[in-house]
PDB file of N, CA and C in Angstrom:
ATOM      1  N   MET A   1     -13.596 -29.257 -56.291  1.00  0.00           N
ATOM      2  CA  MET A   1     -15.078 -28.597 -57.264  1.00  0.00           C
ATOM      3  C   MET A   1     -14.709 -28.692 -58.419  1.00  0.00           C
ATOM      4  N   LYS A   2     -15.870 -28.702 -59.373  1.00  0.00           N
ATOM      5  CA  LYS A   2     -15.460 -28.912 -60.958  1.00  0.00           C
ATOM      6  C   LYS A   2     -16.813 -28.143 -61.459  1.00  0.00           C
ATOM      7  N   HIS A   3     -16.557 -27.451 -62.931  1.00  0.00           N
ATOM      8  CA  HIS A   3     -17.344 -26.450 -63.010  1.00  0.00           C
ATOM      9  C   HIS A   3     -17.742 -26.711 -64.655  1.00  0.00           C
ATOM     10  N   VAL A   4     -18.647 -26.489 -65.094  1.00  0.00           N
ATOM     11  CA  VAL A   4     -19.094 -26.329 -66.909  1.00  0.00           C
ATOM     12  C   VAL A   4     -19.942 -25.464 -66.730  1.00  0.00           C
ATOM     13  N   THR A   5     -19.682 -24.243 -68.585  1.00  0.00           N
ATOM     14  CA  THR A   5     -20.355 -23.645 -69.069  1.00  0.00           C
ATOM     15  C   THR A   5     -21.180 -24.096 -69.861  1.00  0.00           C
ATOM     16  N   TYR A   6     -21.993 -24.370 -69.754  1.00  0.00           N
ATOM     17  CA  TYR A   6     -22.992 -25.268 -71.096  1.00  0.00           C
ATOM     18  C   TYR A   6     -24.087 -24.964 -71.893  1.00  0.00           C
ATOM     19  N   LYS A   7     -23.519 -24.450 -73.139  1.00  0.00           N
ATOM     20  CA  LYS A   7     -24.459 -24.116 -74.407  1.00  0.00           C
ATOM     21  C   LYS A   7     -25.680 -24.338 -74.485  1.00  0.00           C
ATOM     22  N   THR A   8     -26.489 -24.927 -74.080  1.00  0.00           N
ATOM     23  CA  THR A   8     -27.608 -25.288 -74.572  1.00  0.00           C
ATOM     24  C   THR A   8     -28.906 -25.552 -76.122  1.00  0.00           C
ATOM     25  N   THR A   9     -29.159 -26.337 -76.310  1.00  0.00           N
ATOM     26  CA  THR A   9     -29.517 -26.673 -77.544  1.00  0.00           C
ATOM     27  C   THR A   9     -31.010 -26.654 -77.463  1.00  0.00           C
ATOM     28  N   GLY A  10     -31.976 -25.936 -78.467  1.00  0.00           N
ATOM     29  CA  GLY A  10     -33.239 -26.742 -78.468  1.00  0.00           C
ATOM     30  C   GLY A  10     -34.178 -25.712 -77.153  1.00  0.00           C
ATOM     31  N   THR A  11     -33.582 -25.243 -76.271  1.00  0.00           N
ATOM     32  CA  THR A  11     -34.074 -24.343 -75.233  1.00  0.00           C
ATOM     33  C   THR A  11     -34.265 -23.239 -75.464  1.00  0.00           C
ATOM     34  N   CYS A  12     -35.477 -22.585 -74.457  1.00  0.00           N
ATOM     35  CA  CYS A  12     -35.257 -20.531 -74.872  1.00  0.00           C
ATOM     36  C   CYS A  12     -34.246 -20.395 -73.801  1.00  0.00           C
ATOM     37  N   SER A  13     -33.481 -21.011 -72.656  1.00  0.00           N
ATOM     38  CA  SER A  13     -32.111 -20.708 -71.921  1.00  0.00           C
ATOM     39  C   SER A  13     -31.037 -21.188 -73.123  1.00  0.00           C
ATOM     40  N   GLN A  14     -29.863 -20.131 -72.957  1.00  0.00           N
ATOM     41  CA  GLN A  14     -28.604 -20.303 -73.773  1.00  0.00           C
ATOM     42  C   GLN A  14     -27.821 -20.924 -73.109  1.00  0.00           C
ATOM     43  N   PHE A  15     -27.539 -20.535 -71.832  1.00  0.00           N
ATOM     44  CA  PHE A  15     -26.179 -21.173 -71.275  1.00  0.00           C
ATOM     45  C   PHE A  15     -26.754 -22.097 -69.508  1.00  0.00           C
ATOM     46  N   ILE A  16     -26.264 -22.976 -69.318  1.00  0.00           N
ATOM     47  CA  ILE A  16     -26.498 -23.368 -67.771  1.00  0.00           C
ATOM     48  C   ILE A  16     -25.029 -23.469 -67.570  1.00  0.00           C
ATOM     49  N   ASN A  17     -25.017 -23.107 -66.192  1.00  0.00           N
ATOM     50  CA  ASN A  17     -23.713 -23.027 -65.508  1.00  0.00           C
ATOM     51  C   ASN A  17     -23.868 -24.285 -64.380  1.00  0.00           C
ATOM     52  N   VAL A  18     -22.939 -25.170 -64.140  1.00  0.00           N
ATOM     53  CA  VAL A  18     -23.258 -26.424 -63.235  1.00  0.00           C
ATOM     54  C   VAL A  18     -21.514 -26.525 -62.326  1.00  0.00           C
ATOM     55  N   ASP A  19     -21.682 -25.878 -61.185  1.00  0.00           N
ATOM     56  CA  ASP A  19     -21.034 -26.308 -59.918  1.00  0.00           C
ATOM     57  C   ASP A  19     -20.677 -27.735 -59.101  1.00  0.00           C
ATOM     58  N   VAL A  20     -19.584 -28.760 -59.388  1.00  0.00           N
ATOM     59  CA  VAL A  20     -20.519 -30.247 -58.830  1.00  0.00           C
ATOM     60  C   VAL A  20     -19.256 -30.068 -57.887  1.00  0.00           C
ATOM     61  N   ASP A  21     -19.460 -30.584 -56.305  1.00  0.00           N
ATOM     62  CA  ASP A  21     -18.140 -31.013 -55.342  1.00  0.00           C
ATOM     63  C   ASP A  21     -17.705 -32.336 -55.605  1.00  0.00           C
ATOM     64  N   ASP A  22     -16.602 -32.063 -54.785  1.00  0.00           N
ATOM     65  CA  ASP A  22     -15.446 -33.485 -54.887  1.00  0.00           C
ATOM     66  C   ASP A  22     -16.591 -35.161 -54.811  1.00  0.00           C
ATOM     67  N   GLU A  23     -17.653 -34.597 -53.880  1.00  0.00           N
ATOM     68  CA  GLU A  23     -18.309 -36.028 -53.599  1.00  0.00           C
ATOM     69  C   GLU A  23     -19.442 -35.904 -54.377  1.00  0.00           C
ATOM     70  N   GLY A  24     -19.089 -35.264 -56.125  1.00  0.00           N
ATOM     71  CA  GLY A  24     -20.486 -35.661 -56.677  1.00  0.00           C
ATOM     72  C   GLY A  24     -21.597 -34.937 -56.306  1.00  0.00           C
ATOM     73  N   ARG A  25     -22.266 -34.400 -55.683  1.00  0.00           N
ATOM     74  CA  ARG A  25     -23.468 -32.952 -55.653  1.00  0.00           C
ATOM     75  C   ARG A  25     -22.921 -32.166 -55.222  1.00  0.00           C
ATOM     76  N   ILE A  26     -24.565 -31.503 -56.415  1.00  0.00           N
ATOM     77  CA  ILE A  26     -24.352 -30.025 -56.991  1.00  0.00           C
ATOM     78  C   ILE A  26     -24.015 -29.271 -55.959  1.00  0.00           C
ATOM     79  N   GLN A  27     -23.187 -28.002 -56.161  1.00  0.00           N
ATOM     80  CA  GLN A  27     -23.156 -26.626 -55.500  1.00  0.00           C
ATOM     81  C   GLN A  27     -23.889 -25.308 -55.880  1.00  0.00           C
ATOM     82  N   GLU A  28     -23.838 -25.668 -57.346  1.00  0.00           N
ATOM     83  CA  GLU A  28     -24.686 -24.153 -57.492  1.00  0.00           C
ATOM     84  C   GLU A  28     -25.280 -24.571 -59.474  1.00  0.00           C
ATOM     85  N   VAL A  29     -26.181 -23.934 -59.949  1.00  0.00           N
ATOM     86  CA  VAL A  29     -26.992 -24.245 -60.848  1.00  0.00           C
ATOM     87  C   VAL A  29     -27.563 -22.231 -61.644  1.00  0.00           C
ATOM     88  N   SER A  30     -27.221 -22.283 -62.410  1.00  0.00           N
ATOM     89  CA  SER A  30     -28.331 -21.377 -63.058  1.00  0.00           C
ATOM     90  C   SER A  30     -28.173 -21.154 -64.527  1.00  0.00           C
ATOM     91  N   PHE A  31     -29.390 -20.990 -64.837  1.00  0.00           N
ATOM     92  CA  PHE A  31     -29.903 -20.524 -66.304  1.00  0.00           C
ATOM     93  C   PHE A  31     -29.393 -19.344 -66.677  1.00  0.00           C
ATOM     94  N   ILE A  32     -28.907 -19.155 -67.781  1.00  0.00           N
ATOM     95  CA  ILE A  32     -28.647 -18.035 -68.570  1.00  0.00           C
ATOM     96  C   ILE A  32     -30.354 -17.667 -69.638  1.00  0.00           C
ATOM     97  N   GLY A  33     -31.181 -16.588 -69.733  1.00  0.00           N
ATOM     98  CA  GLY A  33     -31.988 -17.019 -70.123  1.00  0.00           C
ATOM     99  C   GLY A  33     -33.073 -17.986 -70.113  1.00  0.00           C
ATOM    100  N   GLY A  34     -34.717 -18.014 -70.618  1.00  0.00           N
ATOM    101  CA  GLY A  34     -35.421 -19.361 -70.401  1.00  0.00           C
ATOM    102  C   GLY A  34     -36.649 -18.169 -69.406  1.00  0.00           C
ATOM    103  N   CYS A  35     -37.054 -19.456 -68.608  1.00  0.00           N
ATOM    104  CA  CYS A  35     -38.207 -18.891 -67.911  1.00  0.00           C
ATOM    105  C   CYS A  35     -37.474 -18.577 -66.297  1.00  0.00           C
ATOM    106  N   ASN A  36     -37.611 -17.135 -66.369  1.00  0.00           N
ATOM    107  CA  ASN A  36     -36.439 -16.894 -65.121  1.00  0.00           C
ATOM    108  C   ASN A  36     -37.082 -18.062 -63.670  1.00  0.00           C
ATOM    109  N   GLY A  37     -38.718 -17.725 -63.408  1.00  0.00           N
ATOM    110  CA  GLY A  37     -39.048 -18.235 -62.192  1.00  0.00           C
ATOM    111  C   GLY A  37     -39.078 -19.787 -62.126  1.00  0.00           C
ATOM    112  N   ASN A  38     -39.202 -20.413 -63.296  1.00  0.00           N
ATOM    113  CA  ASN A  38     -38.863 -21.856 -63.123  1.00  0.00           C
ATOM    114  C   ASN A  38     -37.514 -22.381 -62.946  1.00  0.00           C
ATOM    115  N   LEU A  39     -36.676 -21.680 -64.075  1.00  0.00           N
ATOM    116  CA  LEU A  39     -35.544 -22.037 -63.989  1.00  0.00           C
ATOM    117  C   LEU A  39     -34.878 -22.126 -62.358  1.00  0.00           C
ATOM    118  N   GLN A  40     -35.237 -20.916 -61.338  1.00  0.00           N
ATOM    119  CA  GLN A  40     -34.429 -20.779 -60.378  1.00  0.00           C
ATOM    120  C   GLN A  40     -35.182 -22.081 -59.481  1.00  0.00           C
ATOM    121  N   GLY A  41     -36.162 -22.497 -59.744  1.00  0.00           N
ATOM    122  CA  GLY A  41     -36.997 -23.173 -58.928  1.00  0.00           C
ATOM    123  C   GLY A  41     -36.046 -24.873 -59.080  1.00  0.00           C
ATOM    124  N   ILE A  42     -35.627 -24.751 -60.431  1.00  0.00           N
ATOM    125  CA  ILE A  42     -35.314 -25.497 -60.666  1.00  0.00           C
ATOM    126  C   ILE A  42     -33.606 -25.866 -59.848  1.00  0.00           C
ATOM    127  N   SER A  43     -33.125 -25.158 -59.957  1.00  0.00           N
ATOM    128  CA  SER A  43     -31.758 -25.063 -60.085  1.00  0.00           C
ATOM    129  C   SER A  43     -31.894 -24.973 -57.890  1.00  0.00           C
ATOM    130  N   THR A  44     -32.792 -24.411 -57.364  1.00  0.00           N
ATOM    131  CA  THR A  44     -32.521 -24.781 -56.062  1.00  0.00           C
ATOM    132  C   THR A  44     -33.181 -25.717 -55.754  1.00  0.00           C
ATOM    133  N   LEU A  45     -34.197 -26.943 -56.483  1.00  0.00           N
ATOM    134  CA  LEU A  45     -34.587 -28.412 -55.735  1.00  0.00           C
ATOM    135  C   LEU A  45     -33.259 -29.221 -56.149  1.00  0.00           C
ATOM    136  N   VAL A  46     -32.299 -28.494 -57.091  1.00  0.00           N
ATOM    137  CA  VAL A  46     -31.097 -29.944 -57.467  1.00  0.00           C
ATOM    138  C   VAL A  46     -30.144 -29.737 -56.446  1.00  0.00           C
ATOM    139  N   ARG A  47     -29.690 -27.831 -55.693  1.00  0.00           N
ATOM    140  CA  ARG A  47     -28.883 -28.080 -55.116  1.00  0.00           C
ATOM    141  C   ARG A  47     -28.685 -28.838 -54.366  1.00  0.00           C
ATOM    142  N   GLY A  48     -27.768 -29.609 -53.708  1.00  0.00           N
ATOM    143  CA  GLY A  48     -27.385 -30.526 -52.814  1.00  0.00           C
ATOM    144  C   GLY A  48     -27.209 -31.612 -52.989  1.00  0.00           C
ATOM    145  N   MET A  49     -28.395 -32.568 -54.174  1.00  0.00           N
ATOM    146  CA  MET A  49     -28.780 -33.545 -54.984  1.00  0.00           C
ATOM    147  C   MET A  49     -27.075 -34.071 -55.397  1.00  0.00           C
ATOM    148  N   ARG A  50     -27.493 -35.118 -55.905  1.00  0.00           N
ATOM    149  CA  ARG A  50     -26.592 -36.176 -56.097  1.00  0.00           C
ATOM    150  C   ARG A  50     -26.942 -35.952 -57.710  1.00  0.00           C
ATOM    151  N   VAL A  51     -25.560 -35.980 -58.107  1.00  0.00           N
ATOM    152  CA  VAL A  51     -25.301 -35.958 -59.662  1.00  0.00           C
ATOM    153  C   VAL A  51     -26.389 -36.835 -60.318  1.00  0.00           C
ATOM    154  N   GLU A  52     -26.162 -37.813 -60.134  1.00  0.00           N
ATOM    155  CA  GLU A  52     -26.310 -39.275 -60.713  1.00  0.00           C
ATOM    156  C   GLU A  52     -28.295 -39.137 -60.084  1.00  0.00           C
ATOM    157  N   ASP A  53     -28.740 -38.892 -59.188  1.00  0.00           N
ATOM    158  CA  ASP A  53     -30.209 -38.543 -58.996  1.00  0.00           C
ATOM    159  C   ASP A  53     -30.580 -38.117 -59.730  1.00  0.00           C
ATOM    160  N   VAL A  54     -29.791 -36.129 -60.134  1.00  0.00           N
ATOM    161  CA  VAL A  54     -30.692 -35.855 -60.832  1.00  0.00           C
ATOM    162  C   VAL A  54     -30.656 -35.863 -62.119  1.00  0.00           C
ATOM    163  N   LYS A  55     -29.506 -36.197 -62.313  1.00  0.00           N
ATOM    164  CA  LYS A  55     -29.450 -36.953 -63.821  1.00  0.00           C
ATOM    165  C   LYS A  55     -30.275 -38.245 -64.123  1.00  0.00           C
ATOM    166  N   GLU A  56     -30.734 -39.537 -63.413  1.00  0.00           N
ATOM    167  CA  GLU A  56     -32.164 -40.094 -63.578  1.00  0.00           C
ATOM    168  C   GLU A  56     -33.419 -39.516 -63.496  1.00  0.00           C
ATOM    169  N   LYS A  57     -33.592 -38.251 -62.940  1.00  0.00           N
ATOM    170  CA  LYS A  57     -35.284 -37.567 -62.426  1.00  0.00           C
ATOM    171  C   LYS A  57     -35.298 -36.762 -63.796  1.00  0.00           C
ATOM    172  N   LEU A  58     -34.239 -36.190 -63.984  1.00  0.00           N
ATOM    173  CA  LEU A  58     -34.368 -35.314 -65.011  1.00  0.00           C
ATOM    174  C   LEU A  58     -34.414 -35.388 -66.984  1.00  0.00           C
ATOM    175  N   ASN A  59     -33.730 -36.627 -67.085  1.00  0.00           N
ATOM    176  CA  ASN A  59     -33.388 -37.131 -68.737  1.00  0.00           C
ATOM    177  C   ASN A  59     -34.768 -37.386 -69.209  1.00  0.00           C
ATOM    178  N   GLY A  60     -34.881 -36.526 -70.387  1.00  0.00           N
ATOM    179  CA  GLY A  60     -35.567 -36.995 -71.637  1.00  0.00           C
ATOM    180  C   GLY A  60     -36.988 -36.205 -70.900  1.00  0.00           C
ATOM    181  N   ILE A  61     -37.064 -35.056 -70.468  1.00  0.00           N
ATOM    182  CA  ILE A  61     -38.149 -34.356 -69.705  1.00  0.00           C
ATOM    183  C   ILE A  61     -38.340 -33.981 -71.031  1.00  0.00           C
ATOM    184  N   ARG A  62     -39.520 -33.645 -71.716  1.00  0.00           N
ATOM    185  CA  ARG A  62     -39.551 -32.522 -72.720  1.00  0.00           C
ATOM    186  C   ARG A  62     -40.437 -31.011 -72.805  1.00  0.00           C
ATOM    187  N   CYS A  63     -40.228 -29.845 -73.314  1.00  0.00           N
ATOM    188  CA  CYS A  63     -40.997 -29.110 -73.295  1.00  0.00           C
ATOM    189  C   CYS A  63     -42.042 -29.014 -74.463  1.00  0.00           C
ATOM    190  N   GLY A  64     -42.893 -29.103 -74.585  1.00  0.00           N
ATOM    191  CA  GLY A  64     -44.362 -29.470 -75.534  1.00  0.00           C
ATOM    192  C   GLY A  64     -43.768 -29.596 -76.381  1.00  0.00           C
ATOM    193  N   TYR A  65     -43.203 -29.115 -78.263  1.00  0.00           N
ATOM    194  CA  TYR A  65     -43.340 -30.460 -79.243  1.00  0.00           C
ATOM    195  C   TYR A  65     -41.823 -30.248 -79.302  1.00  0.00           C
ATOM    196  N   LYS A  66     -41.296 -29.756 -78.118  1.00  0.00           N
ATOM    197  CA  LYS A  66     -39.530 -29.961 -78.442  1.00  0.00           C
ATOM    198  C   LYS A  66     -38.865 -31.377 -78.353  1.00  0.00           C
ATOM    199  N   ASN A  67     -37.903 -31.835 -78.685  1.00  0.00           N
ATOM    200  CA  ASN A  67     -36.885 -33.196 -78.047  1.00  0.00           C
ATOM    201  C   ASN A  67     -36.406 -32.757 -76.533  1.00  0.00           C
ATOM    202  N   THR A  68     -36.538 -31.874 -76.324  1.00  0.00           N
ATOM    203  CA  THR A  68     -35.644 -31.486 -75.041  1.00  0.00           C
ATOM    204  C   THR A  68     -36.379 -30.432 -74.360  1.00  0.00           C
ATOM    205  N   SER A  69     -35.800 -30.096 -72.962  1.00  0.00           N
ATOM    206  CA  SER A  69     -35.952 -29.028 -71.919  1.00  0.00           C
ATOM    207  C   SER A  69     -34.948 -28.795 -71.617  1.00  0.00           C
ATOM    208  N   CYS A  70     -35.890 -27.755 -70.774  1.00  0.00           N
ATOM    209  CA  CYS A  70     -34.018 -26.671 -69.800  1.00  0.00           C
ATOM    210  C   CYS A  70     -33.158 -28.210 -68.699  1.00  0.00           C
ATOM    211  N   PRO A  71     -34.479 -28.583 -68.080  1.00  0.00           N
ATOM    212  CA  PRO A  71     -34.165 -30.079 -66.875  1.00  0.00           C
ATOM    213  C   PRO A  71     -32.898 -30.808 -67.925  1.00  0.00           C
ATOM    214  N   ASP A  72     -33.606 -31.254 -69.274  1.00  0.00           N
ATOM    215  CA  ASP A  72     -33.139 -32.453 -69.886  1.00  0.00           C
ATOM    216  C   ASP A  72     -31.580 -31.550 -70.047  1.00  0.00           C
ATOM    217  N   GLN A  73     -31.467 -30.402 -70.581  1.00  0.00           N
ATOM    218  CA  GLN A  73     -30.371 -30.161 -71.231  1.00  0.00           C
ATOM    219  C   GLN A  73     -29.402 -30.201 -70.152  1.00  0.00           C
ATOM    220  N   LEU A  74     -29.971 -29.880 -68.821  1.00  0.00           N
ATOM    221  CA  LEU A  74     -29.153 -29.713 -67.062  1.00  0.00           C
ATOM    222  C   LEU A  74     -28.334 -30.833 -67.265  1.00  0.00           C
ATOM    223  N   VAL A  75     -29.089 -32.255 -67.128  1.00  0.00           N
ATOM    224  CA  VAL A  75     -28.410 -33.250 -67.638  1.00  0.00           C
ATOM    225  C   VAL A  75     -27.210 -33.419 -68.760  1.00  0.00           C
ATOM    226  N   ARG A  76     -27.600 -33.053 -70.054  1.00  0.00           N
ATOM    227  CA  ARG A  76     -26.320 -32.626 -71.133  1.00  0.00           C
ATOM    228  C   ARG A  76     -25.290 -31.974 -70.049  1.00  0.00           C
ATOM    229  N   ALA A  77     -25.475 -30.817 -69.547  1.00  0.00           N
ATOM    230  CA  ALA A  77     -24.315 -30.411 -68.999  1.00  0.00           C
ATOM    231  C   ALA A  77     -23.605 -30.858 -67.910  1.00  0.00           C
ATOM    232  N   LEU A  78     -24.273 -31.908 -67.224  1.00  0.00           N
ATOM    233  CA  LEU A  78     -24.075 -32.599 -66.061  1.00  0.00           C
ATOM    234  C   LEU A  78     -22.731 -34.077 -67.048  1.00  0.00           C
ATOM    235  N   GLU A  79     -23.441 -34.295 -67.869  1.00  0.00           N
ATOM    236  CA  GLU A  79     -22.870 -35.355 -68.720  1.00  0.00           C
ATOM    237  C   GLU A  79     -21.519 -34.818 -69.043  1.00  0.00           C
ATOM    238  N   GLN A  80     -21.419 -33.288 -69.898  1.00  0.00           N
ATOM    239  CA  GLN A  80     -20.203 -33.151 -70.010  1.00  0.00           C
ATOM    240  C   GLN A  80     -19.413 -32.816 -69.023  1.00  0.00           C
ATOM    241  N   LEU A  81     -19.582 -32.640 -67.595  1.00  0.00           N
ATOM    242  CA  LEU A  81     -18.824 -31.984 -67.106  1.00  0.00           C
ATOM    243  C   LEU A  81     -17.839 -33.654 -66.537  1.00  0.00           C
ATOM    244  N   ASN A  82     -18.120 -34.608 -66.565  1.00  0.00           N
ATOM    245  CA  ASN A  82     -18.085 -35.948 -66.112  1.00  0.00           C
ATOM    246  C   ASN A  82     -16.808 -35.955 -67.423  1.00  0.00           C
ATOM    247  N   LYS A  83     -17.156 -35.710 -68.562  1.00  0.00           N
ATOM    248  CA  LYS A  83     -16.286 -35.958 -69.446  1.00  0.00           C
ATOM    249  C   LYS A  83     -14.723 -35.316 -69.282  1.00  0.00           C
ATOM    250  N   GLU A  84     -15.174 -33.989 -68.315  1.00  0.00           N
ATOM    251  CA  GLU A  84     -13.763 -32.975 -68.493  1.00  0.00           C
ATOM    252  C   GLU A  84     -12.794 -33.305 -67.234  1.00  0.00           C
TER     253      GLU A  84
END
């Protein structure tokens, strides 16, 4: 099992905790800060998905005028996870 606590940038959420199993499937995601209901929804939807599938679907999503979003920051967290 791999774990990362990622400090977000450019979003209302402040941190993302992610656990990925040895087969590359997301086991748990939790956001600290941000829009609670939406982020619980994202966390529930990606649980059990392959990391590569989540990255493909969520990469580049923007929030209003911002260059990023909480889903996009989740992709950054997953990328950091692969570097460790």
